[in-house]
Amino acid sequence: MLLENQQFQFFLQLFHNIMPHVDLLYAQLQKKNIDSVHINQCTQQFQQNIQKIRDSLHSMVEQSIGSEESSGSRTTKRRRALSPQDHVQIAAEVCDTILGHAKERFSFTDHLVSATLLQGDRYAQYSTAFPEDALRSTLKAYPMLNGSKLKTELSLIYSKDEFKACCGAVDLFQLFMENNVAEVFSETVTLLKILITTPMTTAEAERCFSTLKRIKTFLRNTMTQDRLNALAMLSMEKRLVTEMTDFNQKVIEKFAGLKERRAKFMFK
């Protein structure tokens, strides 16, 4: 039985110890009042917690084997598929992989801080105390921006009530486009284009990341079935599909018009 399998119990316990730290890091990075110091603290704490789990693997293996022997399991009568050393080695590889991906993934986090410059709910605060640290992080991440011009534009945005109604980067970008002031706020528009098209781990842009993940999965898939490709395309472009009011009618008409059908759907 799977639940009585020693290997299954060990790795179940391993991921039971790991996943709470993953969930905690995810929740911490969803906060809108995020800053570079907060990001570094969260990622470092996450790496330290995973490292602690890695350092305690030997005791985990001993507890797993000890609990099995005390329960009188019959698995001792047959050769174990994995030795205690194998358990430690595989679990260590799991922890090392997580640590490696975490360091690589969060080696560049300045774009998360840049997003805070354009949060509408913080404009009132920024109008009295300009976010110099966030601006420096933004210029470090995107050196092509003109820092002095960007600061002037942002100061004007923070002081005007019409901009405070924008609830996000997309709304602010649309406001600039609709009122033909993109050239006036050229540096802000450039920053907005970067932020809008960059998949991020914040709550506001989670939809971008999930779509990106679906696209990557689609491109890595070697299956060439037309039906699966069509379903994947519908999933990635679901917003476009919902905006087409006659989409279902067009699908029905195309299906009915196909030749070599067993049943006839069109009558003259």
C-alpha atoms as a PDB file:
ATOM      1  CA  MET A   1       0.000   0.000   0.000  1.00  0.00           C
ATOM      2  CA  LEU A   2       1.354   3.412  -0.982  1.00  0.00           C
ATOM      3  CA  LEU A   3       0.776   5.078   2.391  1.00  0.00           C
ATOM      4  CA  GLU A   4       2.760   2.311   4.073  1.00  0.00           C
ATOM      5  CA  ASN A   5       5.695   2.634   1.680  1.00  0.00           C
ATOM      6  CA  GLN A   6       8.815   3.918   3.421  1.00  0.00           C
ATOM      7  CA  GLN A   7      10.091   5.906   0.441  1.00  0.00           C
ATOM      8  CA  PHE A   8       6.727   7.539  -0.127  1.00  0.00           C
ATOM      9  CA  GLN A   9       6.438   8.522   3.529  1.00  0.00           C
ATOM     10  CA  PHE A  10       9.926  10.010   3.567  1.00  0.00           C
ATOM     11  CA  PHE A  11       9.483  12.191   0.487  1.00  0.00           C
ATOM     12  CA  LEU A  12       5.975  13.128   1.579  1.00  0.00           C
ATOM     13  CA  GLN A  13       7.472  14.389   4.838  1.00  0.00           C
ATOM     14  CA  LEU A  14      10.224  16.191   2.912  1.00  0.00           C
ATOM     15  CA  PHE A  15       7.797  18.191   0.779  1.00  0.00           C
ATOM     16  CA  HIS A  16       5.535  18.676   3.779  1.00  0.00           C
ATOM     17  CA  ASN A  17       8.446  20.567   5.339  1.00  0.00           C
ATOM     18  CA  ILE A  18       9.316  22.486   2.163  1.00  0.00           C
ATOM     19  CA  MET A  19       5.946  23.649   0.826  1.00  0.00           C
ATOM     20  CA  PRO A  20       4.935  25.920   3.759  1.00  0.00           C
ATOM     21  CA  HIS A  21       8.033  28.028   3.071  1.00  0.00           C
ATOM     22  CA  VAL A  22       7.144  28.184  -0.628  1.00  0.00           C
ATOM     23  CA  ASP A  23       3.603  29.320   0.187  1.00  0.00           C
ATOM     24  CA  LEU A  24       4.923  31.917   2.629  1.00  0.00           C
ATOM     25  CA  LEU A  25       7.344  33.373   0.077  1.00  0.00           C
ATOM     26  CA  TYR A  26       4.596  33.504  -2.545  1.00  0.00           C
ATOM     27  CA  ALA A  27       2.263  35.333  -0.159  1.00  0.00           C
ATOM     28  CA  GLN A  28       4.969  37.812   0.853  1.00  0.00           C
ATOM     29  CA  LEU A  29       5.700  38.732  -2.761  1.00  0.00           C
ATOM     30  CA  GLN A  30       2.009  39.408  -3.432  1.00  0.00           C
ATOM     31  CA  LYS A  31       2.020  42.482  -1.203  1.00  0.00           C
ATOM     32  CA  LYS A  32       1.597  45.743  -3.089  1.00  0.00           C
ATOM     33  CA  ASN A  33       3.774  47.732  -0.691  1.00  0.00           C
ATOM     34  CA  ILE A  34       6.779  45.719  -1.786  1.00  0.00           C
ATOM     35  CA  ASP A  35      10.300  47.174  -1.758  1.00  0.00           C
ATOM     36  CA  SER A  36      13.816  45.948  -2.475  1.00  0.00           C
ATOM     37  CA  VAL A  37      14.695  45.477   1.205  1.00  0.00           C
ATOM     38  CA  HIS A  38      11.546  43.428   1.778  1.00  0.00           C
ATOM     39  CA  ILE A  39      12.267  41.256  -1.266  1.00  0.00           C
ATOM     40  CA  ASN A  40      15.834  40.554  -0.190  1.00  0.00           C
ATOM     41  CA  GLN A  41      14.748  39.688   3.342  1.00  0.00           C
ATOM     42  CA  CYS A  42      12.035  37.322   2.130  1.00  0.00           C
ATOM     43  CA  THR A  43      14.233  35.527  -0.395  1.00  0.00           C
ATOM     44  CA  GLN A  44      17.143  35.202   2.029  1.00  0.00           C
ATOM     45  CA  GLN A  45      14.853  33.838   4.736  1.00  0.00           C
ATOM     46  CA  PHE A  46      13.411  31.352   2.254  1.00  0.00           C
ATOM     47  CA  GLN A  47      16.869  30.140   1.260  1.00  0.00           C
ATOM     48  CA  GLN A  48      17.901  29.825   4.905  1.00  0.00           C
ATOM     49  CA  ASN A  49      14.807  27.754   5.687  1.00  0.00           C
ATOM     50  CA  ILE A  50      15.455  25.397   2.772  1.00  0.00           C
ATOM     51  CA  GLN A  51      19.092  25.104   3.833  1.00  0.00           C
ATOM     52  CA  LYS A  52      17.981  24.138   7.358  1.00  0.00           C
ATOM     53  CA  ILE A  53      15.816  21.389   5.889  1.00  0.00           C
ATOM     54  CA  ARG A  54      18.780  20.194   3.846  1.00  0.00           C
ATOM     55  CA  ASP A  55      20.989  20.107   6.936  1.00  0.00           C
ATOM     56  CA  SER A  56      18.421  18.010   8.822  1.00  0.00           C
ATOM     57  CA  LEU A  57      18.054  15.289   6.181  1.00  0.00           C
ATOM     58  CA  HIS A  58      20.043  12.704   8.144  1.00  0.00           C
ATOM     59  CA  SER A  59      17.751  13.013  11.155  1.00  0.00           C
ATOM     60  CA  MET A  60      14.701  12.807   8.873  1.00  0.00           C
ATOM     61  CA  VAL A  61      15.985   9.551   7.403  1.00  0.00           C
ATOM     62  CA  GLU A  62      16.713   8.127  10.851  1.00  0.00           C
ATOM     63  CA  GLN A  63      13.223   9.025  12.064  1.00  0.00           C
ATOM     64  CA  SER A  64      11.651   7.510   8.960  1.00  0.00           C
ATOM     65  CA  ILE A  65      13.551   4.231   9.325  1.00  0.00           C
ATOM     66  CA  GLY A  66      13.033   4.149  13.090  1.00  0.00           C
ATOM     67  CA  SER A  67       9.285   4.653  12.800  1.00  0.00           C
ATOM     68  CA  GLU A  68       9.076   1.852  10.258  1.00  0.00           C
ATOM     69  CA  GLU A  69      11.008  -0.581  12.439  1.00  0.00           C
ATOM     70  CA  SER A  70       8.965   0.293  15.530  1.00  0.00           C
ATOM     71  CA  SER A  71       5.719  -0.269  13.638  1.00  0.00           C
ATOM     72  CA  GLY A  72       6.813  -3.802  12.761  1.00  0.00           C
ATOM     73  CA  SER A  73       6.591  -3.301   9.013  1.00  0.00           C
ATOM     74  CA  ARG A  74       7.447  -6.322   6.884  1.00  0.00           C
ATOM     75  CA  THR A  75       9.461  -4.308   4.397  1.00  0.00           C
ATOM     76  CA  THR A  76      12.611  -5.336   6.277  1.00  0.00           C
ATOM     77  CA  LYS A  77      12.199  -8.856   4.863  1.00  0.00           C
ATOM     78  CA  ARG A  78      12.810  -7.635   1.347  1.00  0.00           C
ATOM     79  CA  ARG A  79      15.589  -5.541  -0.048  1.00  0.00           C
ATOM     80  CA  ARG A  80      14.904  -1.822   0.193  1.00  0.00           C
ATOM     81  CA  ALA A  81      14.894  -0.039  -3.155  1.00  0.00           C
ATOM     82  CA  LEU A  82      16.755   2.910  -1.621  1.00  0.00           C
ATOM     83  CA  SER A  83      19.287   2.898   1.165  1.00  0.00           C
ATOM     84  CA  PRO A  84      19.342   5.650   3.826  1.00  0.00           C
ATOM     85  CA  GLN A  85      22.253   7.233   1.960  1.00  0.00           C
ATOM     86  CA  ASP A  86      20.191   7.233  -1.233  1.00  0.00           C
ATOM     87  CA  HIS A  87      17.352   8.976   0.583  1.00  0.00           C
ATOM     88  CA  VAL A  88      19.716  11.688   1.811  1.00  0.00           C
ATOM     89  CA  GLN A  89      21.332  12.123  -1.598  1.00  0.00           C
ATOM     90  CA  ILE A  90      18.058  12.468  -3.500  1.00  0.00           C
ATOM     91  CA  ALA A  91      16.539  14.788  -0.899  1.00  0.00           C
ATOM     92  CA  ALA A  92      19.703  16.913  -0.952  1.00  0.00           C
ATOM     93  CA  GLU A  93      19.400  17.204  -4.732  1.00  0.00           C
ATOM     94  CA  VAL A  94      15.805  18.362  -4.310  1.00  0.00           C
ATOM     95  CA  CYS A  95      16.853  21.076  -1.848  1.00  0.00           C
ATOM     96  CA  ASP A  96      19.813  22.115  -4.015  1.00  0.00           C
ATOM     97  CA  THR A  97      17.542  22.420  -7.043  1.00  0.00           C
ATOM     98  CA  ILE A  98      15.101  24.617  -5.129  1.00  0.00           C
ATOM     99  CA  LEU A  99      17.929  26.802  -3.808  1.00  0.00           C
ATOM    100  CA  GLY A 100      19.478  27.119  -7.261  1.00  0.00           C
ATOM    101  CA  HIS A 101      16.205  28.120  -8.895  1.00  0.00           C
ATOM    102  CA  ALA A 102      15.428  30.576  -6.094  1.00  0.00           C
ATOM    103  CA  LYS A 103      18.789  32.318  -6.483  1.00  0.00           C
ATOM    104  CA  GLU A 104      18.421  32.457 -10.254  1.00  0.00           C
ATOM    105  CA  ARG A 105      14.780  33.548 -10.183  1.00  0.00           C
ATOM    106  CA  PHE A 106      15.316  36.361  -7.689  1.00  0.00           C
ATOM    107  CA  SER A 107      18.694  37.547  -8.936  1.00  0.00           C
ATOM    108  CA  PHE A 108      16.758  40.363 -10.646  1.00  0.00           C
ATOM    109  CA  THR A 109      13.945  41.843  -8.568  1.00  0.00           C
ATOM    110  CA  ASP A 110      14.234  45.555  -9.306  1.00  0.00           C
ATOM    111  CA  HIS A 111      11.268  45.348 -11.692  1.00  0.00           C
ATOM    112  CA  LEU A 112       9.074  44.473  -8.710  1.00  0.00           C
ATOM    113  CA  VAL A 113      10.118  47.687  -6.987  1.00  0.00           C
ATOM    114  CA  SER A 114       9.603  49.676 -10.202  1.00  0.00           C
ATOM    115  CA  ALA A 115       5.937  48.695 -10.208  1.00  0.00           C
ATOM    116  CA  THR A 116       5.407  50.509  -6.905  1.00  0.00           C
ATOM    117  CA  LEU A 117       6.140  53.850  -8.605  1.00  0.00           C
ATOM    118  CA  LEU A 118       2.875  53.577 -10.523  1.00  0.00           C
ATOM    119  CA  GLN A 119       0.458  52.309  -7.867  1.00  0.00           C
ATOM    120  CA  GLY A 120      -2.468  54.704  -7.796  1.00  0.00           C
ATOM    121  CA  ASP A 121      -3.264  54.107  -4.133  1.00  0.00           C
ATOM    122  CA  ARG A 122       0.169  55.433  -3.148  1.00  0.00           C
ATOM    123  CA  TYR A 123       0.140  58.671  -5.179  1.00  0.00           C
ATOM    124  CA  ALA A 124      -1.049  60.730  -2.200  1.00  0.00           C
ATOM    125  CA  GLN A 125       1.861  59.451  -0.136  1.00  0.00           C
ATOM    126  CA  TYR A 126       4.341  60.020  -2.959  1.00  0.00           C
ATOM    127  CA  SER A 127       3.119  63.591  -3.512  1.00  0.00           C
ATOM    128  CA  THR A 128       4.475  64.534  -0.076  1.00  0.00           C
ATOM    129  CA  ALA A 129       7.490  62.202   0.038  1.00  0.00           C
ATOM    130  CA  PHE A 130       8.895  61.202  -3.354  1.00  0.00           C
ATOM    131  CA  PRO A 131      10.018  57.516  -3.489  1.00  0.00           C
ATOM    132  CA  GLU A 132      13.700  58.149  -4.146  1.00  0.00           C
ATOM    133  CA  ASP A 133      14.775  54.584  -3.312  1.00  0.00           C
ATOM    134  CA  ALA A 134      12.273  53.051  -5.717  1.00  0.00           C
ATOM    135  CA  LEU A 135      13.372  55.475  -8.436  1.00  0.00           C
ATOM    136  CA  ARG A 136      17.034  54.547  -7.941  1.00  0.00           C
ATOM    137  CA  SER A 137      16.167  50.854  -8.175  1.00  0.00           C
ATOM    138  CA  THR A 138      14.215  51.539 -11.361  1.00  0.00           C
ATOM    139  CA  LEU A 139      17.079  53.443 -12.981  1.00  0.00           C
ATOM    140  CA  LYS A 140      19.455  50.664 -11.973  1.00  0.00           C
ATOM    141  CA  ALA A 141      17.197  48.083 -13.589  1.00  0.00           C
ATOM    142  CA  TYR A 142      16.498  50.167 -16.704  1.00  0.00           C
ATOM    143  CA  PRO A 143      19.473  52.511 -17.326  1.00  0.00           C
ATOM    144  CA  MET A 144      18.023  53.575 -20.685  1.00  0.00           C
ATOM    145  CA  LEU A 145      15.523  55.807 -18.836  1.00  0.00           C
ATOM    146  CA  ASN A 146      16.206  59.508 -18.327  1.00  0.00           C
ATOM    147  CA  GLY A 147      16.202  59.768 -14.534  1.00  0.00           C
ATOM    148  CA  SER A 148      15.646  63.514 -14.146  1.00  0.00           C
ATOM    149  CA  LYS A 149      12.849  63.600 -16.737  1.00  0.00           C
ATOM    150  CA  LEU A 150      11.190  60.528 -15.242  1.00  0.00           C
ATOM    151  CA  LYS A 151      11.261  62.084 -11.779  1.00  0.00           C
ATOM    152  CA  THR A 152       9.672  65.285 -13.109  1.00  0.00           C
ATOM    153  CA  GLU A 153       6.931  63.344 -14.871  1.00  0.00           C
ATOM    154  CA  LEU A 154       6.209  61.187 -11.835  1.00  0.00           C
ATOM    155  CA  SER A 155       6.065  64.231  -9.549  1.00  0.00           C
ATOM    156  CA  LEU A 156       3.441  65.747 -11.844  1.00  0.00           C
ATOM    157  CA  ILE A 157       1.470  62.484 -11.923  1.00  0.00           C
ATOM    158  CA  TYR A 158       1.486  62.238  -8.131  1.00  0.00           C
ATOM    159  CA  SER A 159       0.171  65.797  -7.735  1.00  0.00           C
ATOM    160  CA  LYS A 160      -2.759  65.561 -10.185  1.00  0.00           C
ATOM    161  CA  ASP A 161      -6.093  64.110  -9.061  1.00  0.00           C
ATOM    162  CA  GLU A 162      -7.011  62.801 -12.525  1.00  0.00           C
ATOM    163  CA  PHE A 163      -4.144  60.321 -12.365  1.00  0.00           C
ATOM    164  CA  LYS A 164      -5.072  59.060  -8.905  1.00  0.00           C
ATOM    165  CA  ALA A 165      -8.198  57.422 -10.329  1.00  0.00           C
ATOM    166  CA  CYS A 166      -6.020  54.965 -12.279  1.00  0.00           C
ATOM    167  CA  CYS A 167      -5.844  51.685 -10.403  1.00  0.00           C
ATOM    168  CA  GLY A 168      -2.856  50.212 -12.204  1.00  0.00           C
ATOM    169  CA  ALA A 169      -0.201  50.480 -14.880  1.00  0.00           C
ATOM    170  CA  VAL A 170      -2.551  49.427 -17.682  1.00  0.00           C
ATOM    171  CA  ASP A 171      -5.164  52.062 -16.771  1.00  0.00           C
ATOM    172  CA  LEU A 172      -2.527  54.789 -16.621  1.00  0.00           C
ATOM    173  CA  PHE A 173      -1.098  53.741 -19.979  1.00  0.00           C
ATOM    174  CA  GLN A 174      -4.557  53.791 -21.571  1.00  0.00           C
ATOM    175  CA  LEU A 175      -5.155  57.256 -20.125  1.00  0.00           C
ATOM    176  CA  PHE A 176      -1.990  58.552 -21.783  1.00  0.00           C
ATOM    177  CA  MET A 177      -2.919  56.975 -25.114  1.00  0.00           C
ATOM    178  CA  GLU A 178      -6.525  58.187 -25.121  1.00  0.00           C
ATOM    179  CA  ASN A 179      -5.527  61.781 -24.328  1.00  0.00           C
ATOM    180  CA  ASN A 180      -2.541  61.874 -26.715  1.00  0.00           C
ATOM    181  CA  VAL A 181      -0.042  62.838 -24.012  1.00  0.00           C
ATOM    182  CA  ALA A 182       2.364  59.955 -24.555  1.00  0.00           C
ATOM    183  CA  GLU A 183       5.037  62.308 -25.890  1.00  0.00           C
ATOM    184  CA  VAL A 184       4.682  64.610 -22.881  1.00  0.00           C
ATOM    185  CA  PHE A 185       5.183  61.693 -20.467  1.00  0.00           C
ATOM    186  CA  SER A 186       7.629  59.834 -22.710  1.00  0.00           C
ATOM    187  CA  GLU A 187       9.779  58.336 -19.934  1.00  0.00           C
ATOM    188  CA  THR A 188       6.762  57.231 -17.909  1.00  0.00           C
ATOM    189  CA  VAL A 189       5.224  55.648 -21.003  1.00  0.00           C
ATOM    190  CA  THR A 190       8.473  53.779 -21.661  1.00  0.00           C
ATOM    191  CA  LEU A 191       8.478  52.496 -18.089  1.00  0.00           C
ATOM    192  CA  LEU A 192       4.808  51.530 -18.377  1.00  0.00           C
ATOM    193  CA  LYS A 193       5.468  49.537 -21.537  1.00  0.00           C
ATOM    194  CA  ILE A 194       8.233  47.642 -19.756  1.00  0.00           C
ATOM    195  CA  LEU A 195       6.137  46.909 -16.673  1.00  0.00           C
ATOM    196  CA  ILE A 196       3.039  45.906 -18.618  1.00  0.00           C
ATOM    197  CA  THR A 197       4.917  43.421 -20.790  1.00  0.00           C
ATOM    198  CA  THR A 198       7.127  41.972 -18.027  1.00  0.00           C
ATOM    199  CA  PRO A 199       5.629  38.894 -16.289  1.00  0.00           C
ATOM    200  CA  MET A 200       5.833  39.568 -12.551  1.00  0.00           C
ATOM    201  CA  THR A 201       5.024  37.742  -9.337  1.00  0.00           C
ATOM    202  CA  THR A 202       2.785  40.460  -7.943  1.00  0.00           C
ATOM    203  CA  ALA A 203      -0.963  39.971  -7.572  1.00  0.00           C
ATOM    204  CA  GLU A 204      -1.718  42.606 -10.215  1.00  0.00           C
ATOM    205  CA  ALA A 205       0.191  40.877 -13.027  1.00  0.00           C
ATOM    206  CA  GLU A 206      -0.305  37.244 -12.055  1.00  0.00           C
ATOM    207  CA  ARG A 207      -2.465  36.758 -15.127  1.00  0.00           C
ATOM    208  CA  CYS A 208       0.548  37.595 -17.311  1.00  0.00           C
ATOM    209  CA  PHE A 209       2.702  34.994 -15.617  1.00  0.00           C
ATOM    210  CA  SER A 210       0.097  32.245 -15.901  1.00  0.00           C
ATOM    211  CA  THR A 211      -0.377  32.961 -19.612  1.00  0.00           C
ATOM    212  CA  LEU A 212       3.380  32.949 -20.114  1.00  0.00           C
ATOM    213  CA  LYS A 213       3.556  29.579 -18.383  1.00  0.00           C
ATOM    214  CA  ARG A 214       0.878  28.182 -20.680  1.00  0.00           C
ATOM    215  CA  ILE A 215       2.712  29.486 -23.754  1.00  0.00           C
ATOM    216  CA  LYS A 216       6.003  27.926 -22.640  1.00  0.00           C
ATOM    217  CA  THR A 217       4.273  24.611 -22.015  1.00  0.00           C
ATOM    218  CA  PHE A 218       2.642  24.841 -25.433  1.00  0.00           C
ATOM    219  CA  LEU A 219       5.966  25.520 -27.177  1.00  0.00           C
ATOM    220  CA  ARG A 220       7.748  22.692 -25.340  1.00  0.00           C
ATOM    221  CA  ASN A 221       5.025  20.217 -26.229  1.00  0.00           C
ATOM    222  CA  THR A 222       6.075  17.950 -29.096  1.00  0.00           C
ATOM    223  CA  MET A 223       2.552  16.699 -29.808  1.00  0.00           C
ATOM    224  CA  THR A 224       1.204  17.919 -33.143  1.00  0.00           C
ATOM    225  CA  GLN A 225      -2.469  17.034 -32.841  1.00  0.00           C
ATOM    226  CA  ASP A 226      -4.564  19.824 -34.317  1.00  0.00           C
ATOM    227  CA  ARG A 227      -7.275  19.413 -31.683  1.00  0.00           C
ATOM    228  CA  LEU A 228      -4.828  19.881 -28.788  1.00  0.00           C
ATOM    229  CA  ASN A 229      -3.171  22.827 -30.513  1.00  0.00           C
ATOM    230  CA  ALA A 230      -6.555  24.462 -31.009  1.00  0.00           C
ATOM    231  CA  LEU A 231      -7.525  23.960 -27.362  1.00  0.00           C
ATOM    232  CA  ALA A 232      -4.200  25.425 -26.210  1.00  0.00           C
ATOM    233  CA  MET A 233      -4.711  28.454 -28.452  1.00  0.00           C
ATOM    234  CA  LEU A 234      -8.219  28.986 -27.058  1.00  0.00           C
ATOM    235  CA  SER A 235      -6.843  28.829 -23.520  1.00  0.00           C
ATOM    236  CA  MET A 236      -4.111  31.393 -24.191  1.00  0.00           C
ATOM    237  CA  GLU A 237      -6.373  33.727 -26.166  1.00  0.00           C
ATOM    238  CA  LYS A 238      -9.495  33.341 -24.018  1.00  0.00           C
ATOM    239  CA  ARG A 239      -9.812  37.096 -23.551  1.00  0.00           C
ATOM    240  CA  LEU A 240     -10.012  37.612 -27.313  1.00  0.00           C
ATOM    241  CA  VAL A 241     -12.576  34.825 -27.584  1.00  0.00           C
ATOM    242  CA  THR A 242     -14.819  36.315 -24.887  1.00  0.00           C
ATOM    243  CA  GLU A 243     -14.722  39.716 -26.596  1.00  0.00           C
ATOM    244  CA  MET A 244     -16.072  38.225 -29.845  1.00  0.00           C
ATOM    245  CA  THR A 245     -19.826  38.209 -29.278  1.00  0.00           C
ATOM    246  CA  ASP A 246     -20.502  35.992 -32.307  1.00  0.00           C
ATOM    247  CA  PHE A 247     -17.663  33.533 -31.702  1.00  0.00           C
ATOM    248  CA  ASN A 248     -19.939  30.576 -30.893  1.00  0.00           C
ATOM    249  CA  GLN A 249     -22.095  31.264 -33.942  1.00  0.00           C
ATOM    250  CA  LYS A 250     -19.046  31.348 -36.209  1.00  0.00           C
ATOM    251  CA  VAL A 251     -17.790  28.054 -34.781  1.00  0.00           C
ATOM    252  CA  ILE A 252     -21.180  26.417 -35.355  1.00  0.00           C
ATOM    253  CA  GLU A 253     -21.369  27.705 -38.928  1.00  0.00           C
ATOM    254  CA  LYS A 254     -17.858  26.508 -39.724  1.00  0.00           C
ATOM    255  CA  PHE A 255     -18.532  23.097 -38.207  1.00  0.00           C
ATOM    256  CA  ALA A 256     -21.797  22.750 -40.104  1.00  0.00           C
ATOM    257  CA  GLY A 257     -20.120  23.751 -43.364  1.00  0.00           C
ATOM    258  CA  LEU A 258     -17.402  21.087 -43.192  1.00  0.00           C
ATOM    259  CA  LYS A 259     -17.548  18.491 -45.935  1.00  0.00           C
ATOM    260  CA  GLU A 260     -17.655  14.720 -45.547  1.00  0.00           C
ATOM    261  CA  ARG A 261     -19.815  14.805 -42.435  1.00  0.00           C
ATOM    262  CA  ARG A 262     -21.901  11.778 -41.538  1.00  0.00           C
ATOM    263  CA  ALA A 263     -24.807  14.008 -40.621  1.00  0.00           C
ATOM    264  CA  LYS A 264     -26.041  16.980 -42.616  1.00  0.00           C
ATOM    265  CA  PHE A 265     -26.508  20.168 -40.649  1.00  0.00           C
ATOM    266  CA  MET A 266     -27.287  22.545 -43.511  1.00  0.00           C
ATOM    267  CA  PHE A 267     -30.445  22.202 -45.558  1.00  0.00           C
ATOM    268  CA  LYS A 268     -31.399  24.096 -48.671  1.00  0.00           C
END
